Amino acid sequence: MIKGHEIETFDLTQKELGLAMRLIPYLKQKTKDNPVQSKDIIKGLKEKWGYDLKPERLRKIVNFYRTNSIIPILSNSTGYFVSYDKTDIETFGSSMVSRSNSIMCAVIGLQRIAYRKDK
């Protein structure tokens, strides 16, 4: 859970875990050539199963897939897709590392401000 975002980032519920498992066959059909956007997943869940999923919870499900090595779901500006291609996975992983490094640089910059003597 992320402090300040507890409502969005609490652990997946049993219902969400079940939903996550039901989504796998659908997501496995999504490739780089036919990705799916989160808004379309959410809309489809509502129409097909009457499930009202918030975007934050979908991101939590996607993170669950990744952290538990369930399916290699990747994303880019066009949407989510599954790829078992080693290069695709490594490229996406490198992108995630770059994003996390950028976040850490921002943390360090904020800490410098917090501990600066000239405030």
C-alpha atoms as a PDB file:
ATOM      1  CA  MET A   1       0.000   0.000   0.000  1.00  0.00           C
ATOM      2  CA  ILE A   2       1.278   3.486  -0.837  1.00  0.00           C
ATOM      3  CA  LYS A   3       1.030   6.125   1.885  1.00  0.00           C
ATOM      4  CA  GLY A   4      -1.349   8.867   0.816  1.00  0.00           C
ATOM      5  CA  HIS A   5      -2.956   6.560  -1.737  1.00  0.00           C
ATOM      6  CA  GLU A   6      -4.236   3.833   0.549  1.00  0.00           C
ATOM      7  CA  ILE A   7      -7.684   3.678  -1.054  1.00  0.00           C
ATOM      8  CA  GLU A   8      -6.228   3.113  -4.530  1.00  0.00           C
ATOM      9  CA  THR A   9      -3.389   0.769  -3.604  1.00  0.00           C
ATOM     10  CA  PHE A  10      -4.755  -1.584  -0.944  1.00  0.00           C
ATOM     11  CA  ASP A  11      -4.219  -5.285  -1.627  1.00  0.00           C
ATOM     12  CA  LEU A  12      -6.414  -6.937  -4.212  1.00  0.00           C
ATOM     13  CA  THR A  13      -9.648  -8.273  -2.797  1.00  0.00           C
ATOM     14  CA  GLN A  14     -10.696 -11.884  -3.370  1.00  0.00           C
ATOM     15  CA  LYS A  15     -13.204 -10.626  -5.939  1.00  0.00           C
ATOM     16  CA  GLU A  16     -10.477  -8.669  -7.761  1.00  0.00           C
ATOM     17  CA  LEU A  17      -8.141 -11.678  -7.686  1.00  0.00           C
ATOM     18  CA  GLY A  18     -10.879 -13.774  -9.277  1.00  0.00           C
ATOM     19  CA  LEU A  19     -11.447 -11.086 -11.867  1.00  0.00           C
ATOM     20  CA  ALA A  20      -7.714 -10.918 -12.551  1.00  0.00           C
ATOM     21  CA  MET A  21      -7.637 -14.633 -13.305  1.00  0.00           C
ATOM     22  CA  ARG A  22     -10.724 -14.390 -15.546  1.00  0.00           C
ATOM     23  CA  LEU A  23      -9.082 -11.579 -17.540  1.00  0.00           C
ATOM     24  CA  ILE A  24      -5.974 -13.568 -18.468  1.00  0.00           C
ATOM     25  CA  PRO A  25      -7.371 -15.357 -21.565  1.00  0.00           C
ATOM     26  CA  TYR A  26      -8.642 -12.035 -22.939  1.00  0.00           C
ATOM     27  CA  LEU A  27      -5.360 -10.236 -22.306  1.00  0.00           C
ATOM     28  CA  LYS A  28      -3.321 -13.048 -23.871  1.00  0.00           C
ATOM     29  CA  GLN A  29      -5.057 -12.208 -27.157  1.00  0.00           C
ATOM     30  CA  LYS A  30      -3.700  -8.674 -27.029  1.00  0.00           C
ATOM     31  CA  THR A  31      -0.408  -8.190 -28.854  1.00  0.00           C
ATOM     32  CA  LYS A  32       1.671  -5.201 -29.896  1.00  0.00           C
ATOM     33  CA  ASP A  33      -0.422  -5.160 -33.063  1.00  0.00           C
ATOM     34  CA  ASN A  34      -3.778  -5.075 -31.224  1.00  0.00           C
ATOM     35  CA  PRO A  35      -3.249  -3.638 -27.732  1.00  0.00           C
ATOM     36  CA  VAL A  36      -6.122  -2.686 -25.474  1.00  0.00           C
ATOM     37  CA  GLN A  37      -6.495   0.553 -23.550  1.00  0.00           C
ATOM     38  CA  SER A  38      -7.454   0.519 -19.900  1.00  0.00           C
ATOM     39  CA  LYS A  39     -10.681   2.423 -20.611  1.00  0.00           C
ATOM     40  CA  ASP A  40     -11.752  -0.353 -22.966  1.00  0.00           C
ATOM     41  CA  ILE A  41     -10.956  -3.083 -20.423  1.00  0.00           C
ATOM     42  CA  ILE A  42     -12.957  -1.211 -17.791  1.00  0.00           C
ATOM     43  CA  LYS A  43     -15.872  -0.659 -20.166  1.00  0.00           C
ATOM     44  CA  GLY A  44     -15.861  -4.326 -21.186  1.00  0.00           C
ATOM     45  CA  LEU A  45     -15.857  -5.509 -17.569  1.00  0.00           C
ATOM     46  CA  LYS A  46     -18.838  -3.313 -16.836  1.00  0.00           C
ATOM     47  CA  GLU A  47     -20.762  -4.491 -19.906  1.00  0.00           C
ATOM     48  CA  LYS A  48     -19.884  -8.195 -19.694  1.00  0.00           C
ATOM     49  CA  TRP A  49     -19.827  -8.868 -15.962  1.00  0.00           C
ATOM     50  CA  GLY A  50     -21.324  -5.735 -14.413  1.00  0.00           C
ATOM     51  CA  TYR A  51     -18.021  -5.119 -12.661  1.00  0.00           C
ATOM     52  CA  ASP A  52     -17.218  -1.469 -11.945  1.00  0.00           C
ATOM     53  CA  LEU A  53     -13.425  -1.364 -11.833  1.00  0.00           C
ATOM     54  CA  LYS A  54     -11.534   1.878 -11.266  1.00  0.00           C
ATOM     55  CA  PRO A  55      -8.386   2.577 -13.337  1.00  0.00           C
ATOM     56  CA  GLU A  56      -6.234   2.448 -10.192  1.00  0.00           C
ATOM     57  CA  ARG A  57      -7.462  -1.064  -9.418  1.00  0.00           C
ATOM     58  CA  LEU A  58      -6.789  -2.196 -12.989  1.00  0.00           C
ATOM     59  CA  ARG A  59      -3.209  -0.938 -12.592  1.00  0.00           C
ATOM     60  CA  LYS A  60      -3.041  -2.915  -9.343  1.00  0.00           C
ATOM     61  CA  ILE A  61      -4.159  -6.061 -11.215  1.00  0.00           C
ATOM     62  CA  VAL A  62      -1.571  -5.455 -13.943  1.00  0.00           C
ATOM     63  CA  ASN A  63       1.082  -5.029 -11.262  1.00  0.00           C
ATOM     64  CA  PHE A  64      -0.092  -8.309  -9.686  1.00  0.00           C
ATOM     65  CA  TYR A  65       0.453 -10.119 -12.999  1.00  0.00           C
ATOM     66  CA  ARG A  66       3.925  -8.667 -13.350  1.00  0.00           C
ATOM     67  CA  THR A  67       5.184  -9.092  -9.801  1.00  0.00           C
ATOM     68  CA  ASN A  68       3.929 -12.666  -9.597  1.00  0.00           C
ATOM     69  CA  SER A  69       5.229 -13.617 -13.077  1.00  0.00           C
ATOM     70  CA  ILE A  70       1.736 -14.628 -14.193  1.00  0.00           C
ATOM     71  CA  ILE A  71       1.686 -13.095 -17.671  1.00  0.00           C
ATOM     72  CA  PRO A  72       4.118 -10.692 -19.342  1.00  0.00           C
ATOM     73  CA  ILE A  73       1.732  -7.795 -19.733  1.00  0.00           C
ATOM     74  CA  LEU A  74       3.505  -4.788 -21.164  1.00  0.00           C
ATOM     75  CA  SER A  75       2.225  -1.368 -22.086  1.00  0.00           C
ATOM     76  CA  ASN A  76       3.012   1.640 -24.183  1.00  0.00           C
ATOM     77  CA  SER A  77       1.167   4.698 -25.429  1.00  0.00           C
ATOM     78  CA  THR A  78      -1.242   2.496 -27.386  1.00  0.00           C
ATOM     79  CA  GLY A  79      -2.314   0.299 -24.466  1.00  0.00           C
ATOM     80  CA  TYR A  80      -1.682  -3.026 -22.760  1.00  0.00           C
ATOM     81  CA  PHE A  81      -0.469  -6.116 -24.592  1.00  0.00           C
ATOM     82  CA  VAL A  82       1.116  -9.473 -23.825  1.00  0.00           C
ATOM     83  CA  SER A  83       4.461 -10.435 -25.287  1.00  0.00           C
ATOM     84  CA  TYR A  84       6.687 -13.387 -24.526  1.00  0.00           C
ATOM     85  CA  ASP A  85       9.421 -11.929 -26.736  1.00  0.00           C
ATOM     86  CA  LYS A  86      12.565 -11.570 -24.624  1.00  0.00           C
ATOM     87  CA  THR A  87      13.549  -8.295 -26.314  1.00  0.00           C
ATOM     88  CA  ASP A  88      10.108  -6.774 -25.692  1.00  0.00           C
ATOM     89  CA  ILE A  89      10.228  -7.794 -22.032  1.00  0.00           C
ATOM     90  CA  GLU A  90      13.786  -6.526 -21.541  1.00  0.00           C
ATOM     91  CA  THR A  91      12.998  -3.230 -23.272  1.00  0.00           C
ATOM     92  CA  PHE A  92       9.931  -2.733 -21.115  1.00  0.00           C
ATOM     93  CA  GLY A  93      11.915  -3.645 -18.001  1.00  0.00           C
ATOM     94  CA  SER A  94      14.563  -1.081 -18.904  1.00  0.00           C
ATOM     95  CA  SER A  95      11.840   1.520 -19.318  1.00  0.00           C
ATOM     96  CA  MET A  96      10.478   0.693 -15.870  1.00  0.00           C
ATOM     97  CA  VAL A  97      13.972   1.001 -14.374  1.00  0.00           C
ATOM     98  CA  SER A  98      14.382   4.422 -16.032  1.00  0.00           C
ATOM     99  CA  ARG A  99      11.033   5.553 -14.614  1.00  0.00           C
ATOM    100  CA  SER A 100      11.950   4.335 -11.142  1.00  0.00           C
ATOM    101  CA  ASN A 101      15.320   6.103 -11.385  1.00  0.00           C
ATOM    102  CA  SER A 102      13.529   9.303 -12.357  1.00  0.00           C
ATOM    103  CA  ILE A 103      11.238   8.942  -9.347  1.00  0.00           C
ATOM    104  CA  MET A 104      14.245   8.428  -7.062  1.00  0.00           C
ATOM    105  CA  CYS A 105      15.906  11.563  -8.477  1.00  0.00           C
ATOM    106  CA  ALA A 106      12.732  13.492  -7.650  1.00  0.00           C
ATOM    107  CA  VAL A 107      12.759  12.047  -4.104  1.00  0.00           C
ATOM    108  CA  ILE A 108      16.369  13.123  -3.623  1.00  0.00           C
ATOM    109  CA  GLY A 109      15.584  16.616  -4.942  1.00  0.00           C
ATOM    110  CA  LEU A 110      12.652  16.944  -2.549  1.00  0.00           C
ATOM    111  CA  GLN A 111      14.755  15.698   0.356  1.00  0.00           C
ATOM    112  CA  ARG A 112      17.383  18.333  -0.422  1.00  0.00           C
ATOM    113  CA  ILE A 113      14.670  20.983  -0.175  1.00  0.00           C
ATOM    114  CA  ALA A 114      13.312  19.522   3.075  1.00  0.00           C
ATOM    115  CA  TYR A 115      16.718  19.577   4.747  1.00  0.00           C
ATOM    116  CA  ARG A 116      18.026  22.804   3.251  1.00  0.00           C
ATOM    117  CA  LYS A 117      19.173  25.383   5.762  1.00  0.00           C
ATOM    118  CA  ASP A 118      18.061  28.426   3.715  1.00  0.00           C
ATOM    119  CA  LYS A 119      14.308  27.752   3.843  1.00  0.00           C
END
